[in-house]
Amino acid sequence: MSDDLDPQTLGLSLISHTNVGKTTLARTLLRADIGEVRDEAHVTREAEPYTMIESPAGDRLQLWDTPGFGDSVRLARRLAQAGNPLGWFMTEVWDRFRDRAFWSGQRAVRNVLEQADVVLYLVNAAETPEDVGYLDAELEVLDLAAKPVVVLLNQLGRPQTPAAETQELERWRRRTAEARCVRQVLALDAFARCWVQEDALLGAVAGVLPADRHAAFDRLRAAWRQRSSATWHASMAVLAQRLVRAALDREAIEDGGLGGRLRDVGALLGLRREGASTPRELAMQRLAARLAEDIRQCTDRLIDLHRLEGHATDVVLTRLAEHYAVQEPVNEGRAAVWGGAVAGALAGLKADVLSGGMTLGGGLLAGGLLGALGAAGLARGFNLLRGVETPTLGWAPEVLDEQVRSALLGYLAVAHYGRGRGPWAEEEGPAFWQDSVQAVVAERHEALQAMWVELQSLRQAGAGPQDAGELVARLQAWLVEVSRTLLWRLYPGAVLD
């Protein structure tokens, strides 16, 4: 076996001033709730290693969560007075008992010296680069350690447009330009990062590694890309299957006799008894209930694919319910039914989760029905199909278009979930995401409409999802291309296989 095939362990040390969010970012990168997160200084006392990626050859990329720098100005001054600064780091023990915060900074630097191939230096981008008082001292310390440093901008807030993000990056690049150790500056928010940005981080790491580490790191990066690509494609498959099920779904309008027909006429004329439902409305309710249940199951599947659980599930559902579904038009014809159904379904699903599942889906069902019924007064979102014996209802193409757009927005929400916290989450769901989704779907609308026509033909023939395998595959491929274009526009230069 050649040396290039020998498995290696590579180390990334996550370093920052205390209470900037190292452990939170580590949780996001590892997709696991490691360590302890509190809004106070020096929560992390010892450097801890976590495996971020493993390759089939046995290589391992370890992410070290380290104690934060405290009095970094004093630390830099102490080093300047030491005849052998690097040796001082390796021998100093007295501050462990005399000054815990100062000693934590020393432990962080010692971790860099002993374990790091590359240092990930996290800064709080909520501060202006010119006002960060500790930055020069900490870069001076990292310069002494002589390891390549990638600066990561954390706490940027909700996702920004590419132009705004580039402007922010340039400000920090100018601010850190004089540090010899800094090789790259990237945006990677612990609260709202996307997996596409993680590939950019790995690319930056690859660019500063010594030659004898390249082969192992290439294998690790390939493993990371394979895992991420599999999750992305699986997500699009889940969405394609749900959309096809909705397109094929149909509900018979029962014959309500003379009374039912009179109620239908009365409802159309706006003359009806309080609380009475027409056969057509009852069919709408059943159709909306199935749609709501399918949304629930698919959202659960997306969350599971992205390895989110517990509190993460609550937060994602809250964002979906409060910032996406309710933004669909609710007073404009056909889209009204869809907007009402989804808003109600997600609100009900959130209630289910928050109650620990004790409602056994009752919240989802009630929410979905209430939402759908609230919009049903404007119900033009159904296609009425004249069957041989019984007329049936199914979702109209315009409603299916809305489902596609909402499905993509929901995917973005899940794919951008970082294990952070803070008031920014209340505002997440940037308008430019919706604009981008609208634009990308519109560019490929003709192909989408062609698939709806084929699915309507299958629906009229009484076909089910099991008969639409080829259309599921085509819709999945369409969703992959649309989401690829969408991610490219949000993250120019991203590599998406």
Protein backbone atom coordinates (compact mmCIF):
# COMPACT_ATOMS: atom_id res chain seq x y z
CA MET A 1 0.00 0.00 0.00
CA SER A 2 1.39 3.42 -0.91
CA ASP A 3 1.70 6.20 1.66
CA ASP A 4 -1.08 8.12 -0.13
CA LEU A 5 -3.54 5.38 0.80
CA ASP A 6 -2.56 5.25 4.47
CA PRO A 7 -5.48 6.61 6.51
CA GLN A 8 -4.73 9.83 8.34
CA THR A 9 -6.38 11.94 11.03
CA LEU A 10 -6.57 15.66 10.31
CA GLY A 11 -7.46 18.31 12.86
CA LEU A 12 -9.43 21.56 12.69
CA SER A 13 -9.20 23.73 15.82
CA LEU A 14 -12.24 25.96 16.31
CA ILE A 15 -10.93 29.09 18.05
CA SER A 16 -12.54 32.39 19.05
CA HIS A 17 -12.92 35.01 21.72
CA THR A 18 -15.08 33.64 24.49
CA ASN A 19 -18.88 33.58 23.99
CA VAL A 20 -18.77 34.11 20.22
CA GLY A 21 -20.45 30.78 19.45
CA LYS A 22 -17.82 28.09 18.90
CA THR A 23 -19.82 25.27 20.44
CA THR A 24 -22.94 26.32 18.56
CA LEU A 25 -21.07 26.28 15.25
CA ALA A 26 -19.53 22.94 16.17
CA ARG A 27 -23.04 21.57 16.74
CA THR A 28 -24.09 22.86 13.33
CA LEU A 29 -21.09 21.35 11.54
CA LEU A 30 -21.38 18.04 13.39
CA ARG A 31 -25.20 17.91 13.18
CA ALA A 32 -25.26 16.87 16.79
CA ASP A 33 -25.89 18.65 20.10
CA ILE A 34 -22.41 18.29 21.57
CA GLY A 35 -20.98 20.29 24.48
CA GLU A 36 -22.78 22.89 26.54
CA VAL A 37 -24.17 26.18 25.25
CA ARG A 38 -24.88 29.08 27.63
CA ASP A 39 -24.92 32.82 27.07
CA GLU A 40 -21.88 33.46 29.26
CA ALA A 41 -18.11 33.43 29.01
CA HIS A 42 -15.83 30.38 29.36
CA VAL A 43 -18.50 27.69 29.25
CA THR A 44 -16.08 25.36 27.41
CA ARG A 45 -13.19 24.56 29.79
CA GLU A 46 -11.24 21.91 27.89
CA ALA A 47 -10.58 21.22 24.21
CA GLU A 48 -12.76 18.34 23.02
CA PRO A 49 -12.39 16.44 19.71
CA TYR A 50 -15.36 15.36 17.59
CA THR A 51 -15.31 13.41 14.34
CA MET A 52 -16.73 15.55 11.55
CA ILE A 53 -16.14 13.19 8.59
CA GLU A 54 -14.74 9.70 8.07
CA SER A 55 -13.70 8.33 4.69
CA PRO A 56 -14.18 4.73 3.54
CA ALA A 57 -10.37 4.38 3.71
CA GLY A 58 -10.42 5.18 7.43
CA ASP A 59 -9.34 8.83 7.29
CA ARG A 60 -10.85 11.07 9.95
CA LEU A 61 -11.41 14.81 10.12
CA GLN A 62 -11.58 15.91 13.75
CA LEU A 63 -13.13 19.18 14.84
CA TRP A 64 -11.75 20.49 18.15
CA ASP A 65 -14.09 22.63 20.25
CA THR A 66 -11.69 24.73 22.38
CA PRO A 67 -11.94 27.10 25.36
CA GLY A 68 -12.41 30.73 24.33
CA PHE A 69 -9.85 33.48 24.52
CA GLY A 70 -10.45 35.74 27.50
CA ASP A 71 -7.90 38.49 28.15
CA SER A 72 -6.21 38.14 24.78
CA VAL A 73 -4.43 41.52 25.03
CA ARG A 74 -2.73 40.36 28.21
CA LEU A 75 -1.95 37.00 26.63
CA ALA A 76 -0.26 38.65 23.64
CA ARG A 77 1.74 40.92 25.97
CA ARG A 78 2.85 37.95 28.06
CA LEU A 79 4.04 36.16 24.94
CA ALA A 80 5.97 39.21 23.76
CA GLN A 81 7.88 39.15 27.07
CA ALA A 82 8.70 35.44 26.84
CA GLY A 83 12.02 34.47 25.33
CA ASN A 84 10.48 31.35 23.80
CA PRO A 85 6.73 32.03 23.36
CA LEU A 86 5.85 28.62 21.93
CA GLY A 87 7.77 26.84 24.68
CA TRP A 88 5.96 28.95 27.25
CA PHE A 89 2.61 27.65 26.05
CA MET A 90 3.74 24.09 26.55
CA THR A 91 5.03 24.54 30.09
CA GLU A 92 2.82 27.12 31.77
CA VAL A 93 0.56 25.61 34.46
CA TRP A 94 0.40 28.19 37.23
CA ASP A 95 -2.49 30.18 35.70
CA ARG A 96 -4.73 27.11 35.90
CA PHE A 97 -5.16 27.85 39.59
CA ARG A 98 -4.56 31.60 39.64
CA ASP A 99 -6.56 32.84 36.62
CA ARG A 100 -8.97 30.36 35.05
CA ALA A 101 -10.02 32.60 32.15
CA PHE A 102 -6.43 33.42 31.23
CA TRP A 103 -5.49 29.75 31.46
CA SER A 104 -8.40 28.81 29.11
CA GLY A 105 -6.86 30.98 26.39
CA GLN A 106 -3.56 29.22 26.87
CA ARG A 107 -5.28 25.85 26.53
CA ALA A 108 -6.82 26.96 23.25
CA VAL A 109 -3.45 27.93 21.81
CA ARG A 110 -1.90 24.73 23.07
CA ASN A 111 -4.59 22.79 21.20
CA VAL A 112 -3.66 24.69 18.02
CA LEU A 113 0.02 23.83 18.49
CA GLU A 114 -0.58 20.15 19.19
CA GLN A 115 -3.63 19.19 17.11
CA ALA A 116 -4.45 21.64 14.34
CA ASP A 117 -3.68 21.26 10.68
CA VAL A 118 -5.85 24.33 10.10
CA VAL A 119 -7.34 26.85 12.54
CA LEU A 120 -10.96 27.99 12.13
CA TYR A 121 -11.06 31.40 13.81
CA LEU A 122 -14.62 32.49 14.53
CA VAL A 123 -15.53 36.20 14.82
CA ASN A 124 -18.79 37.90 15.75
CA ALA A 125 -19.89 39.57 12.52
CA ALA A 126 -22.64 41.42 14.40
CA GLU A 127 -19.80 43.73 15.47
CA THR A 128 -18.17 46.06 12.97
CA PRO A 129 -14.65 44.84 12.14
CA GLU A 130 -13.12 48.18 13.18
CA ASP A 131 -14.66 48.01 16.66
CA VAL A 132 -13.50 44.52 17.67
CA GLY A 133 -10.97 45.40 20.36
CA TYR A 134 -9.55 41.92 20.90
CA LEU A 135 -9.01 41.07 17.22
CA ASP A 136 -5.42 42.36 16.78
CA ALA A 137 -4.19 40.67 19.95
CA GLU A 138 -5.76 37.31 19.04
CA LEU A 139 -4.39 37.42 15.50
CA GLU A 140 -0.98 38.23 16.98
CA VAL A 141 -1.21 35.12 19.15
CA LEU A 142 -2.31 32.99 16.18
CA ASP A 143 0.54 34.39 14.09
CA LEU A 144 2.93 33.01 16.70
CA ALA A 145 1.31 29.59 16.47
CA ALA A 146 2.19 29.61 12.74
CA LYS A 147 -0.76 27.49 11.59
CA PRO A 148 -2.94 28.49 8.62
CA VAL A 149 -6.10 30.30 9.73
CA VAL A 150 -9.51 30.51 8.02
CA VAL A 151 -11.62 33.33 9.50
CA LEU A 152 -15.34 32.47 9.77
CA LEU A 153 -17.98 35.18 10.12
CA ASN A 154 -20.58 34.08 12.65
CA GLN A 155 -23.79 35.80 13.82
CA LEU A 156 -24.46 37.42 10.47
CA GLY A 157 -28.18 37.16 11.13
CA ARG A 158 -30.63 35.73 8.65
CA PRO A 159 -29.33 34.65 5.21
CA GLN A 160 -28.11 37.56 3.10
CA THR A 161 -28.14 38.19 -0.62
CA PRO A 162 -24.88 37.23 -2.38
CA ALA A 163 -24.07 40.91 -2.93
CA ALA A 164 -24.57 41.82 0.74
CA GLU A 165 -22.53 38.83 1.88
CA THR A 166 -19.66 39.71 -0.48
CA GLN A 167 -19.61 43.26 0.88
CA GLU A 168 -19.43 41.98 4.47
CA LEU A 169 -16.63 39.55 3.58
CA GLU A 170 -14.58 42.33 1.99
CA ARG A 171 -14.80 44.43 5.15
CA TRP A 172 -13.37 41.59 7.24
CA ARG A 173 -10.74 40.71 4.64
CA ARG A 174 -9.42 44.25 4.75
CA ARG A 175 -9.47 44.19 8.57
CA THR A 176 -7.47 40.93 8.81
CA ALA A 177 -5.19 41.49 5.81
CA GLU A 178 -2.08 42.25 7.89
CA ALA A 179 -2.16 38.96 9.83
CA ARG A 180 0.33 36.49 8.31
CA CYS A 181 -1.69 33.48 9.45
CA VAL A 182 -5.00 34.42 7.77
CA ARG A 183 -5.47 32.67 4.43
CA GLN A 184 -9.23 32.96 3.84
CA VAL A 185 -12.31 34.75 5.17
CA LEU A 186 -15.66 32.98 4.78
CA ALA A 187 -19.24 33.42 5.94
CA LEU A 188 -20.47 30.49 8.04
CA ASP A 189 -23.19 31.39 10.47
CA ALA A 190 -23.95 28.92 13.23
CA PHE A 191 -27.61 29.94 13.04
CA ALA A 192 -28.36 29.93 9.31
CA ARG A 193 -25.66 28.17 7.39
CA CYS A 194 -26.37 25.97 4.37
CA TRP A 195 -24.56 22.73 3.59
CA VAL A 196 -23.32 24.37 0.38
CA GLN A 197 -21.28 26.81 2.49
CA GLU A 198 -19.65 23.90 4.31
CA ASP A 199 -18.22 22.68 1.00
CA ALA A 200 -16.68 26.13 0.51
CA LEU A 201 -15.10 25.78 3.96
CA LEU A 202 -13.62 22.40 3.05
CA GLY A 203 -12.29 23.91 -0.17
CA ALA A 204 -10.55 26.65 1.82
CA VAL A 205 -9.02 24.05 4.15
CA ALA A 206 -7.79 22.01 1.19
CA GLY A 207 -6.05 25.08 -0.19
CA VAL A 208 -3.86 25.61 2.89
CA LEU A 209 -2.93 22.05 3.85
CA PRO A 210 0.63 20.79 3.35
CA ALA A 211 1.15 18.47 0.39
CA ASP A 212 1.44 15.30 2.50
CA ARG A 213 -2.12 15.83 3.78
CA HIS A 214 -3.80 16.35 0.40
CA ALA A 215 -4.57 12.73 -0.48
CA ALA A 216 -6.29 11.99 2.82
CA PHE A 217 -8.20 15.27 2.77
CA ASP A 218 -9.39 14.67 -0.79
CA ARG A 219 -10.86 11.35 0.36
CA LEU A 220 -12.55 13.06 3.29
CA ARG A 221 -13.99 15.80 1.11
CA ALA A 222 -15.28 13.23 -1.37
CA ALA A 223 -17.02 11.40 1.49
CA TRP A 224 -18.57 14.67 2.70
CA ARG A 225 -19.81 15.51 -0.81
CA GLN A 226 -21.27 12.06 -1.29
CA ARG A 227 -23.17 12.32 2.00
CA SER A 228 -24.46 15.82 1.28
CA SER A 229 -25.43 15.02 -2.29
CA ALA A 230 -27.31 11.92 -1.14
CA THR A 231 -29.29 14.00 1.37
CA TRP A 232 -30.08 16.63 -1.28
CA HIS A 233 -31.28 14.08 -3.87
CA ALA A 234 -33.25 12.16 -1.25
CA SER A 235 -34.97 15.40 -0.22
CA MET A 236 -36.01 16.09 -3.80
CA ALA A 237 -37.31 12.52 -4.07
CA VAL A 238 -39.48 13.04 -0.99
CA LEU A 239 -40.89 16.26 -2.45
CA ALA A 240 -41.50 14.70 -5.88
CA GLN A 241 -43.41 11.78 -4.38
CA ARG A 242 -45.57 14.13 -2.32
CA LEU A 243 -46.37 16.37 -5.29
CA VAL A 244 -47.32 13.40 -7.47
CA ARG A 245 -49.58 12.04 -4.74
CA ALA A 246 -51.32 15.42 -4.52
CA ALA A 247 -51.68 15.65 -8.31
CA LEU A 248 -53.27 12.19 -8.48
CA ASP A 249 -55.50 12.54 -5.44
CA ARG A 250 -59.22 12.73 -6.05
CA GLU A 251 -62.33 12.69 -3.94
CA ALA A 252 -65.81 11.72 -5.03
CA ILE A 253 -68.66 14.16 -4.42
CA GLU A 254 -71.35 12.08 -2.83
CA ASP A 255 -74.89 12.37 -4.03
CA GLY A 256 -76.64 14.31 -1.35
CA GLY A 257 -80.02 13.97 -2.97
CA LEU A 258 -82.31 16.91 -3.48
CA GLY A 259 -81.26 18.41 -0.16
CA GLY A 260 -77.59 18.25 -1.04
CA ARG A 261 -78.14 19.83 -4.42
CA LEU A 262 -80.17 22.62 -2.81
CA ARG A 263 -77.37 23.25 -0.29
CA ASP A 264 -74.84 23.40 -3.17
CA VAL A 265 -77.00 25.96 -4.97
CA GLY A 266 -77.52 27.90 -1.74
CA ALA A 267 -73.77 27.94 -1.06
CA LEU A 268 -73.06 29.21 -4.57
CA LEU A 269 -75.64 31.98 -4.07
CA GLY A 270 -74.38 32.79 -0.59
CA LEU A 271 -77.60 31.51 0.98
CA ARG A 272 -76.99 28.70 3.43
CA ARG A 273 -77.80 27.53 6.90
CA GLU A 274 -75.15 28.09 9.54
CA GLY A 275 -72.98 25.01 10.01
CA ALA A 276 -74.38 23.02 7.08
CA SER A 277 -71.85 21.55 4.64
CA THR A 278 -72.59 20.71 1.07
CA PRO A 279 -71.45 17.41 -0.48
CA ARG A 280 -68.86 19.37 -2.44
CA GLU A 281 -67.49 20.98 0.72
CA LEU A 282 -67.32 17.63 2.46
CA ALA A 283 -65.28 16.31 -0.46
CA MET A 284 -62.96 19.34 -0.17
CA GLN A 285 -62.47 18.63 3.53
CA ARG A 286 -61.46 15.03 2.89
CA LEU A 287 -59.05 16.07 0.14
CA ALA A 288 -57.52 18.79 2.33
CA ALA A 289 -57.15 16.39 5.27
CA ARG A 290 -55.13 13.94 3.16
CA LEU A 291 -52.96 16.76 1.83
CA ALA A 292 -52.30 17.99 5.36
CA GLU A 293 -51.30 14.52 6.55
CA ASP A 294 -48.95 14.11 3.58
CA ILE A 295 -47.31 17.46 4.33
CA ARG A 296 -46.77 16.34 7.89
CA GLN A 297 -45.14 13.07 6.96
CA CYS A 298 -42.91 14.63 4.28
CA THR A 299 -41.79 17.44 6.59
CA ASP A 300 -40.89 14.86 9.20
CA ARG A 301 -38.91 12.96 6.56
CA LEU A 302 -36.98 16.08 5.44
CA ILE A 303 -36.11 16.88 9.04
CA ASP A 304 -34.95 13.32 9.62
CA LEU A 305 -32.83 13.33 6.44
CA HIS A 306 -31.02 16.43 7.73
CA ARG A 307 -30.39 14.79 11.10
CA LEU A 308 -32.46 17.28 13.05
CA GLU A 309 -34.39 16.26 16.09
CA GLY A 310 -35.82 17.46 19.39
CA HIS A 311 -35.64 21.24 19.70
CA ALA A 312 -34.46 21.50 16.10
CA THR A 313 -37.72 19.99 14.92
CA ASP A 314 -39.73 22.54 16.88
CA VAL A 315 -37.76 25.46 15.48
CA VAL A 316 -37.96 24.28 11.87
CA LEU A 317 -41.70 23.73 12.10
CA THR A 318 -42.17 27.12 13.70
CA ARG A 319 -40.29 28.77 10.86
CA LEU A 320 -42.25 26.88 8.25
CA ALA A 321 -45.60 27.64 9.82
CA GLU A 322 -44.95 31.28 10.69
CA HIS A 323 -42.75 32.47 7.87
CA TYR A 324 -43.62 30.48 4.78
CA ALA A 325 -47.04 28.96 4.62
CA VAL A 326 -48.85 32.05 5.86
CA GLN A 327 -47.12 34.11 3.21
CA GLU A 328 -48.98 32.28 0.49
CA PRO A 329 -51.88 34.31 -0.91
CA VAL A 330 -55.00 33.51 1.08
CA ASN A 331 -57.56 35.70 -0.59
CA GLU A 332 -56.90 35.16 -4.23
CA GLY A 333 -58.88 32.39 -5.80
CA ARG A 334 -57.32 29.01 -6.20
CA ALA A 335 -54.22 29.69 -4.16
CA ALA A 336 -56.48 30.44 -1.22
CA VAL A 337 -57.32 26.81 -0.66
CA TRP A 338 -53.69 25.76 -0.76
CA GLY A 339 -52.54 28.58 1.50
CA GLY A 340 -55.21 27.80 4.05
CA ALA A 341 -54.58 24.08 4.02
CA VAL A 342 -50.82 24.37 4.43
CA ALA A 343 -50.97 27.07 7.08
CA GLY A 344 -53.42 25.03 9.08
CA ALA A 345 -51.53 21.78 8.58
CA LEU A 346 -48.19 23.18 9.70
CA ALA A 347 -49.71 25.00 12.66
CA GLY A 348 -51.40 21.77 13.68
CA LEU A 349 -48.19 19.82 13.18
CA LYS A 350 -46.34 22.29 15.40
CA ALA A 351 -49.01 21.82 18.05
CA ASP A 352 -48.52 18.07 17.81
CA VAL A 353 -44.77 18.41 18.30
CA LEU A 354 -45.02 20.92 21.13
CA SER A 355 -47.46 18.66 22.94
CA GLY A 356 -44.99 15.81 22.70
CA GLY A 357 -47.11 14.00 20.16
CA MET A 358 -49.87 13.35 22.67
CA THR A 359 -52.53 14.56 20.26
CA LEU A 360 -51.52 11.72 17.92
CA GLY A 361 -51.94 13.93 14.92
CA GLY A 362 -55.15 15.53 16.10
CA GLY A 363 -53.59 18.96 16.01
CA LEU A 364 -52.48 18.45 12.43
CA LEU A 365 -55.87 17.20 11.32
CA ALA A 366 -57.78 19.95 13.09
CA GLY A 367 -55.38 22.63 11.89
CA GLY A 368 -55.43 21.38 8.34
CA LEU A 369 -59.18 21.19 8.20
CA LEU A 370 -59.68 24.57 9.79
CA GLY A 371 -57.20 26.14 7.41
CA ALA A 372 -58.72 24.52 4.39
CA LEU A 373 -62.25 25.33 5.43
CA GLY A 374 -61.29 28.92 6.11
CA ALA A 375 -60.18 29.23 2.53
CA ALA A 376 -62.93 27.11 1.06
CA GLY A 377 -65.27 30.06 0.88
CA LEU A 378 -63.21 31.12 -2.11
CA ALA A 379 -62.79 27.59 -3.31
CA ARG A 380 -61.83 27.63 -6.91
CA GLY A 381 -58.69 25.59 -6.27
CA PHE A 382 -60.24 22.29 -7.23
CA ASN A 383 -60.77 20.67 -10.56
CA LEU A 384 -64.22 19.18 -10.97
CA LEU A 385 -63.93 15.96 -12.94
CA ARG A 386 -67.03 14.47 -14.50
CA GLY A 387 -66.79 10.76 -13.92
CA VAL A 388 -69.05 8.19 -15.53
CA GLU A 389 -71.04 7.72 -12.35
CA THR A 390 -69.87 10.29 -9.81
CA PRO A 391 -68.23 13.72 -10.16
CA THR A 392 -64.93 14.00 -8.31
CA LEU A 393 -62.63 16.78 -7.10
CA GLY A 394 -58.84 17.04 -7.45
CA TRP A 395 -56.24 19.77 -6.99
CA ALA A 396 -55.99 22.26 -9.87
CA PRO A 397 -52.63 22.91 -11.62
CA GLU A 398 -52.41 26.40 -10.11
CA VAL A 399 -52.63 24.92 -6.62
CA LEU A 400 -50.01 22.32 -7.52
CA ASP A 401 -47.73 25.16 -8.69
CA GLU A 402 -48.10 26.74 -5.26
CA GLN A 403 -47.25 23.41 -3.66
CA VAL A 404 -44.02 23.29 -5.67
CA ARG A 405 -42.98 26.77 -4.58
CA SER A 406 -43.85 26.11 -0.94
CA ALA A 407 -42.03 22.76 -1.04
CA LEU A 408 -38.83 24.46 -2.24
CA LEU A 409 -39.10 27.18 0.40
CA GLY A 410 -39.61 24.50 3.02
CA TYR A 411 -36.53 22.68 1.78
CA LEU A 412 -34.45 25.88 2.06
CA ALA A 413 -35.67 26.35 5.64
CA VAL A 414 -34.61 22.85 6.63
CA ALA A 415 -31.31 22.96 4.69
CA HIS A 416 -30.33 26.25 6.37
CA TYR A 417 -31.07 25.16 9.89
CA GLY A 418 -28.12 25.82 12.18
CA ARG A 419 -28.19 24.75 15.78
CA GLY A 420 -28.05 28.33 17.02
CA ARG A 421 -30.38 30.52 18.97
CA GLY A 422 -31.29 34.18 19.20
CA PRO A 423 -33.94 36.72 18.16
CA TRP A 424 -32.91 36.66 14.51
CA ALA A 425 -34.86 33.42 14.06
CA GLU A 426 -38.09 35.33 14.48
CA GLU A 427 -37.33 37.21 11.27
CA GLU A 428 -35.91 34.36 9.21
CA GLY A 429 -37.42 33.65 5.84
CA PRO A 430 -35.81 36.39 3.76
CA ALA A 431 -37.90 37.84 0.98
CA PHE A 432 -35.19 37.21 -1.59
CA TRP A 433 -35.61 33.44 -1.11
CA GLN A 434 -39.22 33.72 -2.24
CA ASP A 435 -38.26 35.93 -5.15
CA SER A 436 -35.55 33.46 -6.18
CA VAL A 437 -37.92 30.48 -5.97
CA GLN A 438 -40.56 32.30 -8.01
CA ALA A 439 -38.01 33.18 -10.69
CA VAL A 440 -36.45 29.73 -11.00
CA VAL A 441 -39.80 27.92 -11.12
CA ALA A 442 -41.11 30.38 -13.70
CA GLU A 443 -38.10 29.67 -15.96
CA ARG A 444 -38.99 25.97 -16.04
CA HIS A 445 -42.74 26.29 -15.82
CA GLU A 446 -43.47 24.82 -19.24
CA ALA A 447 -41.96 21.45 -18.33
CA LEU A 448 -43.82 21.49 -15.02
CA GLN A 449 -47.15 22.17 -16.73
CA ALA A 450 -46.55 19.29 -19.13
CA MET A 451 -46.15 16.95 -16.18
CA TRP A 452 -49.34 18.25 -14.54
CA VAL A 453 -51.24 17.52 -17.77
CA GLU A 454 -49.92 13.95 -17.85
CA LEU A 455 -50.75 13.46 -14.19
CA GLN A 456 -54.27 14.81 -14.72
CA SER A 457 -54.76 12.24 -17.47
CA LEU A 458 -53.65 9.51 -15.09
CA ARG A 459 -55.97 10.88 -12.40
CA GLN A 460 -58.95 10.82 -14.74
CA ALA A 461 -58.09 7.24 -15.62
CA GLY A 462 -58.20 6.36 -11.94
CA ALA A 463 -54.43 5.72 -11.65
CA GLY A 464 -52.61 5.86 -8.32
CA PRO A 465 -49.05 6.82 -7.30
CA GLN A 466 -47.94 3.24 -7.96
CA ASP A 467 -48.74 3.81 -11.65
CA ALA A 468 -46.72 7.04 -11.93
CA GLY A 469 -43.15 5.86 -11.31
CA GLU A 470 -41.78 7.42 -14.49
CA LEU A 471 -43.43 10.76 -13.70
CA VAL A 472 -42.07 10.70 -10.14
CA ALA A 473 -38.57 10.24 -11.57
CA ARG A 474 -39.08 13.10 -14.06
CA LEU A 475 -40.44 15.42 -11.39
CA GLN A 476 -37.55 14.54 -9.07
CA ALA A 477 -35.07 15.34 -11.86
CA TRP A 478 -36.91 18.62 -12.46
CA LEU A 479 -36.73 19.49 -8.76
CA VAL A 480 -33.02 18.66 -8.64
CA GLU A 481 -32.32 21.02 -11.53
CA VAL A 482 -34.50 23.78 -10.09
CA SER A 483 -32.95 23.50 -6.62
CA ARG A 484 -29.45 23.34 -8.16
CA THR A 485 -30.06 26.61 -9.99
CA LEU A 486 -31.59 28.09 -6.85
CA LEU A 487 -28.57 27.18 -4.71
CA TRP A 488 -26.16 28.42 -7.38
CA ARG A 489 -27.89 31.81 -7.34
CA LEU A 490 -27.85 31.97 -3.54
CA TYR A 491 -24.23 30.74 -3.38
CA PRO A 492 -22.38 31.60 -6.61
CA GLY A 493 -19.54 29.19 -7.34
CA ALA A 494 -21.00 26.32 -5.31
CA VAL A 495 -20.16 22.79 -6.46
CA LEU A 496 -23.34 20.70 -6.76
CA ASP A 497 -23.14 17.18 -8.14
